Amino acid sequence: MISIDFFAAQGALTGFSAHGHADTA
């Protein structure tokens, strides 16, 4: 599974991280 985690502070997005593989192909 691909996981994307968005970072937020005081209602604003401050970044993200993405990792993994979907394993669909």
PDBML (XML) file of the C-alpha atoms, coordinates in Angstrom:
<?xml version="1.0" encoding="UTF-8" ?>
<PDBx:datablock datablockName="MODEL"
   xmlns:PDBx="http://pdbml.pdb.org/schema/pdbx-v50.xsd"
   xmlns:xsi="http://www.w3.org/2001/XMLSchema-instance"
   xsi:schemaLocation="http://pdbml.pdb.org/schema/pdbx-v50.xsd pdbx-v50.xsd">
   <PDBx:atom_siteCategory>
      <PDBx:atom_site id="1">
         <PDBx:B_iso_or_equiv>0.00</PDBx:B_iso_or_equiv>
         <PDBx:Cartn_x>0.000</PDBx:Cartn_x>
         <PDBx:Cartn_y>0.000</PDBx:Cartn_y>
         <PDBx:Cartn_z>0.000</PDBx:Cartn_z>
         <PDBx:auth_asym_id>A</PDBx:auth_asym_id>
         <PDBx:auth_atom_id>CA</PDBx:auth_atom_id>
         <PDBx:auth_comp_id>MET</PDBx:auth_comp_id>
         <PDBx:auth_seq_id>1</PDBx:auth_seq_id>
         <PDBx:group_PDB>ATOM</PDBx:group_PDB>
         <PDBx:label_alt_id xsi:nil="true" />
         <PDBx:label_asym_id>A</PDBx:label_asym_id>
         <PDBx:label_atom_id>CA</PDBx:label_atom_id>
         <PDBx:label_comp_id>MET</PDBx:label_comp_id>
         <PDBx:label_entity_id>1</PDBx:label_entity_id>
         <PDBx:label_seq_id>1</PDBx:label_seq_id>
         <PDBx:occupancy>1.00</PDBx:occupancy>
         <PDBx:pdbx_PDB_model_num>1</PDBx:pdbx_PDB_model_num>
         <PDBx:type_symbol>C</PDBx:type_symbol>
      </PDBx:atom_site>
      <PDBx:atom_site id="2">
         <PDBx:B_iso_or_equiv>0.00</PDBx:B_iso_or_equiv>
         <PDBx:Cartn_x>1.078</PDBx:Cartn_x>
         <PDBx:Cartn_y>3.566</PDBx:Cartn_y>
         <PDBx:Cartn_z>-0.698</PDBx:Cartn_z>
         <PDBx:auth_asym_id>A</PDBx:auth_asym_id>
         <PDBx:auth_atom_id>CA</PDBx:auth_atom_id>
         <PDBx:auth_comp_id>ILE</PDBx:auth_comp_id>
         <PDBx:auth_seq_id>2</PDBx:auth_seq_id>
         <PDBx:group_PDB>ATOM</PDBx:group_PDB>
         <PDBx:label_alt_id xsi:nil="true" />
         <PDBx:label_asym_id>A</PDBx:label_asym_id>
         <PDBx:label_atom_id>CA</PDBx:label_atom_id>
         <PDBx:label_comp_id>ILE</PDBx:label_comp_id>
         <PDBx:label_entity_id>1</PDBx:label_entity_id>
         <PDBx:label_seq_id>2</PDBx:label_seq_id>
         <PDBx:occupancy>1.00</PDBx:occupancy>
         <PDBx:pdbx_PDB_model_num>1</PDBx:pdbx_PDB_model_num>
         <PDBx:type_symbol>C</PDBx:type_symbol>
      </PDBx:atom_site>
      <PDBx:atom_site id="3">
         <PDBx:B_iso_or_equiv>0.00</PDBx:B_iso_or_equiv>
         <PDBx:Cartn_x>0.780</PDBx:Cartn_x>
         <PDBx:Cartn_y>5.856</PDBx:Cartn_y>
         <PDBx:Cartn_z>2.320</PDBx:Cartn_z>
         <PDBx:auth_asym_id>A</PDBx:auth_asym_id>
         <PDBx:auth_atom_id>CA</PDBx:auth_atom_id>
         <PDBx:auth_comp_id>SER</PDBx:auth_comp_id>
         <PDBx:auth_seq_id>3</PDBx:auth_seq_id>
         <PDBx:group_PDB>ATOM</PDBx:group_PDB>
         <PDBx:label_alt_id xsi:nil="true" />
         <PDBx:label_asym_id>A</PDBx:label_asym_id>
         <PDBx:label_atom_id>CA</PDBx:label_atom_id>
         <PDBx:label_comp_id>SER</PDBx:label_comp_id>
         <PDBx:label_entity_id>1</PDBx:label_entity_id>
         <PDBx:label_seq_id>3</PDBx:label_seq_id>
         <PDBx:occupancy>1.00</PDBx:occupancy>
         <PDBx:pdbx_PDB_model_num>1</PDBx:pdbx_PDB_model_num>
         <PDBx:type_symbol>C</PDBx:type_symbol>
      </PDBx:atom_site>
      <PDBx:atom_site id="4">
         <PDBx:B_iso_or_equiv>0.00</PDBx:B_iso_or_equiv>
         <PDBx:Cartn_x>0.740</PDBx:Cartn_x>
         <PDBx:Cartn_y>9.607</PDBx:Cartn_y>
         <PDBx:Cartn_z>1.959</PDBx:Cartn_z>
         <PDBx:auth_asym_id>A</PDBx:auth_asym_id>
         <PDBx:auth_atom_id>CA</PDBx:auth_atom_id>
         <PDBx:auth_comp_id>ILE</PDBx:auth_comp_id>
         <PDBx:auth_seq_id>4</PDBx:auth_seq_id>
         <PDBx:group_PDB>ATOM</PDBx:group_PDB>
         <PDBx:label_alt_id xsi:nil="true" />
         <PDBx:label_asym_id>A</PDBx:label_asym_id>
         <PDBx:label_atom_id>CA</PDBx:label_atom_id>
         <PDBx:label_comp_id>ILE</PDBx:label_comp_id>
         <PDBx:label_entity_id>1</PDBx:label_entity_id>
         <PDBx:label_seq_id>4</PDBx:label_seq_id>
         <PDBx:occupancy>1.00</PDBx:occupancy>
         <PDBx:pdbx_PDB_model_num>1</PDBx:pdbx_PDB_model_num>
         <PDBx:type_symbol>C</PDBx:type_symbol>
      </PDBx:atom_site>
      <PDBx:atom_site id="5">
         <PDBx:B_iso_or_equiv>0.00</PDBx:B_iso_or_equiv>
         <PDBx:Cartn_x>0.844</PDBx:Cartn_x>
         <PDBx:Cartn_y>11.638</PDBx:Cartn_y>
         <PDBx:Cartn_z>5.133</PDBx:Cartn_z>
         <PDBx:auth_asym_id>A</PDBx:auth_asym_id>
         <PDBx:auth_atom_id>CA</PDBx:auth_atom_id>
         <PDBx:auth_comp_id>ASP</PDBx:auth_comp_id>
         <PDBx:auth_seq_id>5</PDBx:auth_seq_id>
         <PDBx:group_PDB>ATOM</PDBx:group_PDB>
         <PDBx:label_alt_id xsi:nil="true" />
         <PDBx:label_asym_id>A</PDBx:label_asym_id>
         <PDBx:label_atom_id>CA</PDBx:label_atom_id>
         <PDBx:label_comp_id>ASP</PDBx:label_comp_id>
         <PDBx:label_entity_id>1</PDBx:label_entity_id>
         <PDBx:label_seq_id>5</PDBx:label_seq_id>
         <PDBx:occupancy>1.00</PDBx:occupancy>
         <PDBx:pdbx_PDB_model_num>1</PDBx:pdbx_PDB_model_num>
         <PDBx:type_symbol>C</PDBx:type_symbol>
      </PDBx:atom_site>
      <PDBx:atom_site id="6">
         <PDBx:B_iso_or_equiv>0.00</PDBx:B_iso_or_equiv>
         <PDBx:Cartn_x>0.198</PDBx:Cartn_x>
         <PDBx:Cartn_y>15.376</PDBx:Cartn_y>
         <PDBx:Cartn_z>4.873</PDBx:Cartn_z>
         <PDBx:auth_asym_id>A</PDBx:auth_asym_id>
         <PDBx:auth_atom_id>CA</PDBx:auth_atom_id>
         <PDBx:auth_comp_id>PHE</PDBx:auth_comp_id>
         <PDBx:auth_seq_id>6</PDBx:auth_seq_id>
         <PDBx:group_PDB>ATOM</PDBx:group_PDB>
         <PDBx:label_alt_id xsi:nil="true" />
         <PDBx:label_asym_id>A</PDBx:label_asym_id>
         <PDBx:label_atom_id>CA</PDBx:label_atom_id>
         <PDBx:label_comp_id>PHE</PDBx:label_comp_id>
         <PDBx:label_entity_id>1</PDBx:label_entity_id>
         <PDBx:label_seq_id>6</PDBx:label_seq_id>
         <PDBx:occupancy>1.00</PDBx:occupancy>
         <PDBx:pdbx_PDB_model_num>1</PDBx:pdbx_PDB_model_num>
         <PDBx:type_symbol>C</PDBx:type_symbol>
      </PDBx:atom_site>
      <PDBx:atom_site id="7">
         <PDBx:B_iso_or_equiv>0.00</PDBx:B_iso_or_equiv>
         <PDBx:Cartn_x>1.572</PDBx:Cartn_x>
         <PDBx:Cartn_y>17.534</PDBx:Cartn_y>
         <PDBx:Cartn_z>7.672</PDBx:Cartn_z>
         <PDBx:auth_asym_id>A</PDBx:auth_asym_id>
         <PDBx:auth_atom_id>CA</PDBx:auth_atom_id>
         <PDBx:auth_comp_id>PHE</PDBx:auth_comp_id>
         <PDBx:auth_seq_id>7</PDBx:auth_seq_id>
         <PDBx:group_PDB>ATOM</PDBx:group_PDB>
         <PDBx:label_alt_id xsi:nil="true" />
         <PDBx:label_asym_id>A</PDBx:label_asym_id>
         <PDBx:label_atom_id>CA</PDBx:label_atom_id>
         <PDBx:label_comp_id>PHE</PDBx:label_comp_id>
         <PDBx:label_entity_id>1</PDBx:label_entity_id>
         <PDBx:label_seq_id>7</PDBx:label_seq_id>
         <PDBx:occupancy>1.00</PDBx:occupancy>
         <PDBx:pdbx_PDB_model_num>1</PDBx:pdbx_PDB_model_num>
         <PDBx:type_symbol>C</PDBx:type_symbol>
      </PDBx:atom_site>
      <PDBx:atom_site id="8">
         <PDBx:B_iso_or_equiv>0.00</PDBx:B_iso_or_equiv>
         <PDBx:Cartn_x>-0.606</PDBx:Cartn_x>
         <PDBx:Cartn_y>20.393</PDBx:Cartn_y>
         <PDBx:Cartn_z>8.909</PDBx:Cartn_z>
         <PDBx:auth_asym_id>A</PDBx:auth_asym_id>
         <PDBx:auth_atom_id>CA</PDBx:auth_atom_id>
         <PDBx:auth_comp_id>ALA</PDBx:auth_comp_id>
         <PDBx:auth_seq_id>8</PDBx:auth_seq_id>
         <PDBx:group_PDB>ATOM</PDBx:group_PDB>
         <PDBx:label_alt_id xsi:nil="true" />
         <PDBx:label_asym_id>A</PDBx:label_asym_id>
         <PDBx:label_atom_id>CA</PDBx:label_atom_id>
         <PDBx:label_comp_id>ALA</PDBx:label_comp_id>
         <PDBx:label_entity_id>1</PDBx:label_entity_id>
         <PDBx:label_seq_id>8</PDBx:label_seq_id>
         <PDBx:occupancy>1.00</PDBx:occupancy>
         <PDBx:pdbx_PDB_model_num>1</PDBx:pdbx_PDB_model_num>
         <PDBx:type_symbol>C</PDBx:type_symbol>
      </PDBx:atom_site>
      <PDBx:atom_site id="9">
         <PDBx:B_iso_or_equiv>0.00</PDBx:B_iso_or_equiv>
         <PDBx:Cartn_x>-0.156</PDBx:Cartn_x>
         <PDBx:Cartn_y>23.163</PDBx:Cartn_y>
         <PDBx:Cartn_z>11.447</PDBx:Cartn_z>
         <PDBx:auth_asym_id>A</PDBx:auth_asym_id>
         <PDBx:auth_atom_id>CA</PDBx:auth_atom_id>
         <PDBx:auth_comp_id>ALA</PDBx:auth_comp_id>
         <PDBx:auth_seq_id>9</PDBx:auth_seq_id>
         <PDBx:group_PDB>ATOM</PDBx:group_PDB>
         <PDBx:label_alt_id xsi:nil="true" />
         <PDBx:label_asym_id>A</PDBx:label_asym_id>
         <PDBx:label_atom_id>CA</PDBx:label_atom_id>
         <PDBx:label_comp_id>ALA</PDBx:label_comp_id>
         <PDBx:label_entity_id>1</PDBx:label_entity_id>
         <PDBx:label_seq_id>9</PDBx:label_seq_id>
         <PDBx:occupancy>1.00</PDBx:occupancy>
         <PDBx:pdbx_PDB_model_num>1</PDBx:pdbx_PDB_model_num>
         <PDBx:type_symbol>C</PDBx:type_symbol>
      </PDBx:atom_site>
      <PDBx:atom_site id="10">
         <PDBx:B_iso_or_equiv>0.00</PDBx:B_iso_or_equiv>
         <PDBx:Cartn_x>-2.737</PDBx:Cartn_x>
         <PDBx:Cartn_y>25.780</PDBx:Cartn_y>
         <PDBx:Cartn_z>12.351</PDBx:Cartn_z>
         <PDBx:auth_asym_id>A</PDBx:auth_asym_id>
         <PDBx:auth_atom_id>CA</PDBx:auth_atom_id>
         <PDBx:auth_comp_id>GLN</PDBx:auth_comp_id>
         <PDBx:auth_seq_id>10</PDBx:auth_seq_id>
         <PDBx:group_PDB>ATOM</PDBx:group_PDB>
         <PDBx:label_alt_id xsi:nil="true" />
         <PDBx:label_asym_id>A</PDBx:label_asym_id>
         <PDBx:label_atom_id>CA</PDBx:label_atom_id>
         <PDBx:label_comp_id>GLN</PDBx:label_comp_id>
         <PDBx:label_entity_id>1</PDBx:label_entity_id>
         <PDBx:label_seq_id>10</PDBx:label_seq_id>
         <PDBx:occupancy>1.00</PDBx:occupancy>
         <PDBx:pdbx_PDB_model_num>1</PDBx:pdbx_PDB_model_num>
         <PDBx:type_symbol>C</PDBx:type_symbol>
      </PDBx:atom_site>
      <PDBx:atom_site id="11">
         <PDBx:B_iso_or_equiv>0.00</PDBx:B_iso_or_equiv>
         <PDBx:Cartn_x>-4.929</PDBx:Cartn_x>
         <PDBx:Cartn_y>24.870</PDBx:Cartn_y>
         <PDBx:Cartn_z>9.380</PDBx:Cartn_z>
         <PDBx:auth_asym_id>A</PDBx:auth_asym_id>
         <PDBx:auth_atom_id>CA</PDBx:auth_atom_id>
         <PDBx:auth_comp_id>GLY</PDBx:auth_comp_id>
         <PDBx:auth_seq_id>11</PDBx:auth_seq_id>
         <PDBx:group_PDB>ATOM</PDBx:group_PDB>
         <PDBx:label_alt_id xsi:nil="true" />
         <PDBx:label_asym_id>A</PDBx:label_asym_id>
         <PDBx:label_atom_id>CA</PDBx:label_atom_id>
         <PDBx:label_comp_id>GLY</PDBx:label_comp_id>
         <PDBx:label_entity_id>1</PDBx:label_entity_id>
         <PDBx:label_seq_id>11</PDBx:label_seq_id>
         <PDBx:occupancy>1.00</PDBx:occupancy>
         <PDBx:pdbx_PDB_model_num>1</PDBx:pdbx_PDB_model_num>
         <PDBx:type_symbol>C</PDBx:type_symbol>
      </PDBx:atom_site>
      <PDBx:atom_site id="12">
         <PDBx:B_iso_or_equiv>0.00</PDBx:B_iso_or_equiv>
         <PDBx:Cartn_x>-2.149</PDBx:Cartn_x>
         <PDBx:Cartn_y>25.069</PDBx:Cartn_y>
         <PDBx:Cartn_z>6.777</PDBx:Cartn_z>
         <PDBx:auth_asym_id>A</PDBx:auth_asym_id>
         <PDBx:auth_atom_id>CA</PDBx:auth_atom_id>
         <PDBx:auth_comp_id>ALA</PDBx:auth_comp_id>
         <PDBx:auth_seq_id>12</PDBx:auth_seq_id>
         <PDBx:group_PDB>ATOM</PDBx:group_PDB>
         <PDBx:label_alt_id xsi:nil="true" />
         <PDBx:label_asym_id>A</PDBx:label_asym_id>
         <PDBx:label_atom_id>CA</PDBx:label_atom_id>
         <PDBx:label_comp_id>ALA</PDBx:label_comp_id>
         <PDBx:label_entity_id>1</PDBx:label_entity_id>
         <PDBx:label_seq_id>12</PDBx:label_seq_id>
         <PDBx:occupancy>1.00</PDBx:occupancy>
         <PDBx:pdbx_PDB_model_num>1</PDBx:pdbx_PDB_model_num>
         <PDBx:type_symbol>C</PDBx:type_symbol>
      </PDBx:atom_site>
      <PDBx:atom_site id="13">
         <PDBx:B_iso_or_equiv>0.00</PDBx:B_iso_or_equiv>
         <PDBx:Cartn_x>-0.383</PDBx:Cartn_x>
         <PDBx:Cartn_y>22.197</PDBx:Cartn_y>
         <PDBx:Cartn_z>5.059</PDBx:Cartn_z>
         <PDBx:auth_asym_id>A</PDBx:auth_asym_id>
         <PDBx:auth_atom_id>CA</PDBx:auth_atom_id>
         <PDBx:auth_comp_id>LEU</PDBx:auth_comp_id>
         <PDBx:auth_seq_id>13</PDBx:auth_seq_id>
         <PDBx:group_PDB>ATOM</PDBx:group_PDB>
         <PDBx:label_alt_id xsi:nil="true" />
         <PDBx:label_asym_id>A</PDBx:label_asym_id>
         <PDBx:label_atom_id>CA</PDBx:label_atom_id>
         <PDBx:label_comp_id>LEU</PDBx:label_comp_id>
         <PDBx:label_entity_id>1</PDBx:label_entity_id>
         <PDBx:label_seq_id>13</PDBx:label_seq_id>
         <PDBx:occupancy>1.00</PDBx:occupancy>
         <PDBx:pdbx_PDB_model_num>1</PDBx:pdbx_PDB_model_num>
         <PDBx:type_symbol>C</PDBx:type_symbol>
      </PDBx:atom_site>
      <PDBx:atom_site id="14">
         <PDBx:B_iso_or_equiv>0.00</PDBx:B_iso_or_equiv>
         <PDBx:Cartn_x>3.332</PDBx:Cartn_x>
         <PDBx:Cartn_y>22.227</PDBx:Cartn_y>
         <PDBx:Cartn_z>5.823</PDBx:Cartn_z>
         <PDBx:auth_asym_id>A</PDBx:auth_asym_id>
         <PDBx:auth_atom_id>CA</PDBx:auth_atom_id>
         <PDBx:auth_comp_id>THR</PDBx:auth_comp_id>
         <PDBx:auth_seq_id>14</PDBx:auth_seq_id>
         <PDBx:group_PDB>ATOM</PDBx:group_PDB>
         <PDBx:label_alt_id xsi:nil="true" />
         <PDBx:label_asym_id>A</PDBx:label_asym_id>
         <PDBx:label_atom_id>CA</PDBx:label_atom_id>
         <PDBx:label_comp_id>THR</PDBx:label_comp_id>
         <PDBx:label_entity_id>1</PDBx:label_entity_id>
         <PDBx:label_seq_id>14</PDBx:label_seq_id>
         <PDBx:occupancy>1.00</PDBx:occupancy>
         <PDBx:pdbx_PDB_model_num>1</PDBx:pdbx_PDB_model_num>
         <PDBx:type_symbol>C</PDBx:type_symbol>
      </PDBx:atom_site>
      <PDBx:atom_site id="15">
         <PDBx:B_iso_or_equiv>0.00</PDBx:B_iso_or_equiv>
         <PDBx:Cartn_x>4.485</PDBx:Cartn_x>
         <PDBx:Cartn_y>19.240</PDBx:Cartn_y>
         <PDBx:Cartn_z>3.763</PDBx:Cartn_z>
         <PDBx:auth_asym_id>A</PDBx:auth_asym_id>
         <PDBx:auth_atom_id>CA</PDBx:auth_atom_id>
         <PDBx:auth_comp_id>GLY</PDBx:auth_comp_id>
         <PDBx:auth_seq_id>15</PDBx:auth_seq_id>
         <PDBx:group_PDB>ATOM</PDBx:group_PDB>
         <PDBx:label_alt_id xsi:nil="true" />
         <PDBx:label_asym_id>A</PDBx:label_asym_id>
         <PDBx:label_atom_id>CA</PDBx:label_atom_id>
         <PDBx:label_comp_id>GLY</PDBx:label_comp_id>
         <PDBx:label_entity_id>1</PDBx:label_entity_id>
         <PDBx:label_seq_id>15</PDBx:label_seq_id>
         <PDBx:occupancy>1.00</PDBx:occupancy>
         <PDBx:pdbx_PDB_model_num>1</PDBx:pdbx_PDB_model_num>
         <PDBx:type_symbol>C</PDBx:type_symbol>
      </PDBx:atom_site>
      <PDBx:atom_site id="16">
         <PDBx:B_iso_or_equiv>0.00</PDBx:B_iso_or_equiv>
         <PDBx:Cartn_x>3.977</PDBx:Cartn_x>
         <PDBx:Cartn_y>15.566</PDBx:Cartn_y>
         <PDBx:Cartn_z>3.079</PDBx:Cartn_z>
         <PDBx:auth_asym_id>A</PDBx:auth_asym_id>
         <PDBx:auth_atom_id>CA</PDBx:auth_atom_id>
         <PDBx:auth_comp_id>PHE</PDBx:auth_comp_id>
         <PDBx:auth_seq_id>16</PDBx:auth_seq_id>
         <PDBx:group_PDB>ATOM</PDBx:group_PDB>
         <PDBx:label_alt_id xsi:nil="true" />
         <PDBx:label_asym_id>A</PDBx:label_asym_id>
         <PDBx:label_atom_id>CA</PDBx:label_atom_id>
         <PDBx:label_comp_id>PHE</PDBx:label_comp_id>
         <PDBx:label_entity_id>1</PDBx:label_entity_id>
         <PDBx:label_seq_id>16</PDBx:label_seq_id>
         <PDBx:occupancy>1.00</PDBx:occupancy>
         <PDBx:pdbx_PDB_model_num>1</PDBx:pdbx_PDB_model_num>
         <PDBx:type_symbol>C</PDBx:type_symbol>
      </PDBx:atom_site>
      <PDBx:atom_site id="17">
         <PDBx:B_iso_or_equiv>0.00</PDBx:B_iso_or_equiv>
         <PDBx:Cartn_x>5.637</PDBx:Cartn_x>
         <PDBx:Cartn_y>12.170</PDBx:Cartn_y>
         <PDBx:Cartn_z>3.018</PDBx:Cartn_z>
         <PDBx:auth_asym_id>A</PDBx:auth_asym_id>
         <PDBx:auth_atom_id>CA</PDBx:auth_atom_id>
         <PDBx:auth_comp_id>SER</PDBx:auth_comp_id>
         <PDBx:auth_seq_id>17</PDBx:auth_seq_id>
         <PDBx:group_PDB>ATOM</PDBx:group_PDB>
         <PDBx:label_alt_id xsi:nil="true" />
         <PDBx:label_asym_id>A</PDBx:label_asym_id>
         <PDBx:label_atom_id>CA</PDBx:label_atom_id>
         <PDBx:label_comp_id>SER</PDBx:label_comp_id>
         <PDBx:label_entity_id>1</PDBx:label_entity_id>
         <PDBx:label_seq_id>17</PDBx:label_seq_id>
         <PDBx:occupancy>1.00</PDBx:occupancy>
         <PDBx:pdbx_PDB_model_num>1</PDBx:pdbx_PDB_model_num>
         <PDBx:type_symbol>C</PDBx:type_symbol>
      </PDBx:atom_site>
      <PDBx:atom_site id="18">
         <PDBx:B_iso_or_equiv>0.00</PDBx:B_iso_or_equiv>
         <PDBx:Cartn_x>4.848</PDBx:Cartn_x>
         <PDBx:Cartn_y>9.345</PDBx:Cartn_y>
         <PDBx:Cartn_z>0.631</PDBx:Cartn_z>
         <PDBx:auth_asym_id>A</PDBx:auth_asym_id>
         <PDBx:auth_atom_id>CA</PDBx:auth_atom_id>
         <PDBx:auth_comp_id>ALA</PDBx:auth_comp_id>
         <PDBx:auth_seq_id>18</PDBx:auth_seq_id>
         <PDBx:group_PDB>ATOM</PDBx:group_PDB>
         <PDBx:label_alt_id xsi:nil="true" />
         <PDBx:label_asym_id>A</PDBx:label_asym_id>
         <PDBx:label_atom_id>CA</PDBx:label_atom_id>
         <PDBx:label_comp_id>ALA</PDBx:label_comp_id>
         <PDBx:label_entity_id>1</PDBx:label_entity_id>
         <PDBx:label_seq_id>18</PDBx:label_seq_id>
         <PDBx:occupancy>1.00</PDBx:occupancy>
         <PDBx:pdbx_PDB_model_num>1</PDBx:pdbx_PDB_model_num>
         <PDBx:type_symbol>C</PDBx:type_symbol>
      </PDBx:atom_site>
      <PDBx:atom_site id="19">
         <PDBx:B_iso_or_equiv>0.00</PDBx:B_iso_or_equiv>
         <PDBx:Cartn_x>6.087</PDBx:Cartn_x>
         <PDBx:Cartn_y>5.780</PDBx:Cartn_y>
         <PDBx:Cartn_z>0.751</PDBx:Cartn_z>
         <PDBx:auth_asym_id>A</PDBx:auth_asym_id>
         <PDBx:auth_atom_id>CA</PDBx:auth_atom_id>
         <PDBx:auth_comp_id>HIS</PDBx:auth_comp_id>
         <PDBx:auth_seq_id>19</PDBx:auth_seq_id>
         <PDBx:group_PDB>ATOM</PDBx:group_PDB>
         <PDBx:label_alt_id xsi:nil="true" />
         <PDBx:label_asym_id>A</PDBx:label_asym_id>
         <PDBx:label_atom_id>CA</PDBx:label_atom_id>
         <PDBx:label_comp_id>HIS</PDBx:label_comp_id>
         <PDBx:label_entity_id>1</PDBx:label_entity_id>
         <PDBx:label_seq_id>19</PDBx:label_seq_id>
         <PDBx:occupancy>1.00</PDBx:occupancy>
         <PDBx:pdbx_PDB_model_num>1</PDBx:pdbx_PDB_model_num>
         <PDBx:type_symbol>C</PDBx:type_symbol>
      </PDBx:atom_site>
      <PDBx:atom_site id="20">
         <PDBx:B_iso_or_equiv>0.00</PDBx:B_iso_or_equiv>
         <PDBx:Cartn_x>5.179</PDBx:Cartn_x>
         <PDBx:Cartn_y>2.283</PDBx:Cartn_y>
         <PDBx:Cartn_z>-0.305</PDBx:Cartn_z>
         <PDBx:auth_asym_id>A</PDBx:auth_asym_id>
         <PDBx:auth_atom_id>CA</PDBx:auth_atom_id>
         <PDBx:auth_comp_id>GLY</PDBx:auth_comp_id>
         <PDBx:auth_seq_id>20</PDBx:auth_seq_id>
         <PDBx:group_PDB>ATOM</PDBx:group_PDB>
         <PDBx:label_alt_id xsi:nil="true" />
         <PDBx:label_asym_id>A</PDBx:label_asym_id>
         <PDBx:label_atom_id>CA</PDBx:label_atom_id>
         <PDBx:label_comp_id>GLY</PDBx:label_comp_id>
         <PDBx:label_entity_id>1</PDBx:label_entity_id>
         <PDBx:label_seq_id>20</PDBx:label_seq_id>
         <PDBx:occupancy>1.00</PDBx:occupancy>
         <PDBx:pdbx_PDB_model_num>1</PDBx:pdbx_PDB_model_num>
         <PDBx:type_symbol>C</PDBx:type_symbol>
      </PDBx:atom_site>
      <PDBx:atom_site id="21">
         <PDBx:B_iso_or_equiv>0.00</PDBx:B_iso_or_equiv>
         <PDBx:Cartn_x>4.047</PDBx:Cartn_x>
         <PDBx:Cartn_y>0.310</PDBx:Cartn_y>
         <PDBx:Cartn_z>-3.325</PDBx:Cartn_z>
         <PDBx:auth_asym_id>A</PDBx:auth_asym_id>
         <PDBx:auth_atom_id>CA</PDBx:auth_atom_id>
         <PDBx:auth_comp_id>HIS</PDBx:auth_comp_id>
         <PDBx:auth_seq_id>21</PDBx:auth_seq_id>
         <PDBx:group_PDB>ATOM</PDBx:group_PDB>
         <PDBx:label_alt_id xsi:nil="true" />
         <PDBx:label_asym_id>A</PDBx:label_asym_id>
         <PDBx:label_atom_id>CA</PDBx:label_atom_id>
         <PDBx:label_comp_id>HIS</PDBx:label_comp_id>
         <PDBx:label_entity_id>1</PDBx:label_entity_id>
         <PDBx:label_seq_id>21</PDBx:label_seq_id>
         <PDBx:occupancy>1.00</PDBx:occupancy>
         <PDBx:pdbx_PDB_model_num>1</PDBx:pdbx_PDB_model_num>
         <PDBx:type_symbol>C</PDBx:type_symbol>
      </PDBx:atom_site>
      <PDBx:atom_site id="22">
         <PDBx:B_iso_or_equiv>0.00</PDBx:B_iso_or_equiv>
         <PDBx:Cartn_x>0.499</PDBx:Cartn_x>
         <PDBx:Cartn_y>-0.273</PDBx:Cartn_y>
         <PDBx:Cartn_z>-4.530</PDBx:Cartn_z>
         <PDBx:auth_asym_id>A</PDBx:auth_asym_id>
         <PDBx:auth_atom_id>CA</PDBx:auth_atom_id>
         <PDBx:auth_comp_id>ALA</PDBx:auth_comp_id>
         <PDBx:auth_seq_id>22</PDBx:auth_seq_id>
         <PDBx:group_PDB>ATOM</PDBx:group_PDB>
         <PDBx:label_alt_id xsi:nil="true" />
         <PDBx:label_asym_id>A</PDBx:label_asym_id>
         <PDBx:label_atom_id>CA</PDBx:label_atom_id>
         <PDBx:label_comp_id>ALA</PDBx:label_comp_id>
         <PDBx:label_entity_id>1</PDBx:label_entity_id>
         <PDBx:label_seq_id>22</PDBx:label_seq_id>
         <PDBx:occupancy>1.00</PDBx:occupancy>
         <PDBx:pdbx_PDB_model_num>1</PDBx:pdbx_PDB_model_num>
         <PDBx:type_symbol>C</PDBx:type_symbol>
      </PDBx:atom_site>
      <PDBx:atom_site id="23">
         <PDBx:B_iso_or_equiv>0.00</PDBx:B_iso_or_equiv>
         <PDBx:Cartn_x>1.139</PDBx:Cartn_x>
         <PDBx:Cartn_y>-3.947</PDBx:Cartn_y>
         <PDBx:Cartn_z>-5.394</PDBx:Cartn_z>
         <PDBx:auth_asym_id>A</PDBx:auth_asym_id>
         <PDBx:auth_atom_id>CA</PDBx:auth_atom_id>
         <PDBx:auth_comp_id>ASP</PDBx:auth_comp_id>
         <PDBx:auth_seq_id>23</PDBx:auth_seq_id>
         <PDBx:group_PDB>ATOM</PDBx:group_PDB>
         <PDBx:label_alt_id xsi:nil="true" />
         <PDBx:label_asym_id>A</PDBx:label_asym_id>
         <PDBx:label_atom_id>CA</PDBx:label_atom_id>
         <PDBx:label_comp_id>ASP</PDBx:label_comp_id>
         <PDBx:label_entity_id>1</PDBx:label_entity_id>
         <PDBx:label_seq_id>23</PDBx:label_seq_id>
         <PDBx:occupancy>1.00</PDBx:occupancy>
         <PDBx:pdbx_PDB_model_num>1</PDBx:pdbx_PDB_model_num>
         <PDBx:type_symbol>C</PDBx:type_symbol>
      </PDBx:atom_site>
      <PDBx:atom_site id="24">
         <PDBx:B_iso_or_equiv>0.00</PDBx:B_iso_or_equiv>
         <PDBx:Cartn_x>-1.375</PDBx:Cartn_x>
         <PDBx:Cartn_y>-3.810</PDBx:Cartn_y>
         <PDBx:Cartn_z>-8.241</PDBx:Cartn_z>
         <PDBx:auth_asym_id>A</PDBx:auth_asym_id>
         <PDBx:auth_atom_id>CA</PDBx:auth_atom_id>
         <PDBx:auth_comp_id>THR</PDBx:auth_comp_id>
         <PDBx:auth_seq_id>24</PDBx:auth_seq_id>
         <PDBx:group_PDB>ATOM</PDBx:group_PDB>
         <PDBx:label_alt_id xsi:nil="true" />
         <PDBx:label_asym_id>A</PDBx:label_asym_id>
         <PDBx:label_atom_id>CA</PDBx:label_atom_id>
         <PDBx:label_comp_id>THR</PDBx:label_comp_id>
         <PDBx:label_entity_id>1</PDBx:label_entity_id>
         <PDBx:label_seq_id>24</PDBx:label_seq_id>
         <PDBx:occupancy>1.00</PDBx:occupancy>
         <PDBx:pdbx_PDB_model_num>1</PDBx:pdbx_PDB_model_num>
         <PDBx:type_symbol>C</PDBx:type_symbol>
      </PDBx:atom_site>
      <PDBx:atom_site id="25">
         <PDBx:B_iso_or_equiv>0.00</PDBx:B_iso_or_equiv>
         <PDBx:Cartn_x>1.192</PDBx:Cartn_x>
         <PDBx:Cartn_y>-4.502</PDBx:Cartn_y>
         <PDBx:Cartn_z>-10.996</PDBx:Cartn_z>
         <PDBx:auth_asym_id>A</PDBx:auth_asym_id>
         <PDBx:auth_atom_id>CA</PDBx:auth_atom_id>
         <PDBx:auth_comp_id>ALA</PDBx:auth_comp_id>
         <PDBx:auth_seq_id>25</PDBx:auth_seq_id>
         <PDBx:group_PDB>ATOM</PDBx:group_PDB>
         <PDBx:label_alt_id xsi:nil="true" />
         <PDBx:label_asym_id>A</PDBx:label_asym_id>
         <PDBx:label_atom_id>CA</PDBx:label_atom_id>
         <PDBx:label_comp_id>ALA</PDBx:label_comp_id>
         <PDBx:label_entity_id>1</PDBx:label_entity_id>
         <PDBx:label_seq_id>25</PDBx:label_seq_id>
         <PDBx:occupancy>1.00</PDBx:occupancy>
         <PDBx:pdbx_PDB_model_num>1</PDBx:pdbx_PDB_model_num>
         <PDBx:type_symbol>C</PDBx:type_symbol>
      </PDBx:atom_site>
   </PDBx:atom_siteCategory>
</PDBx:datablock>
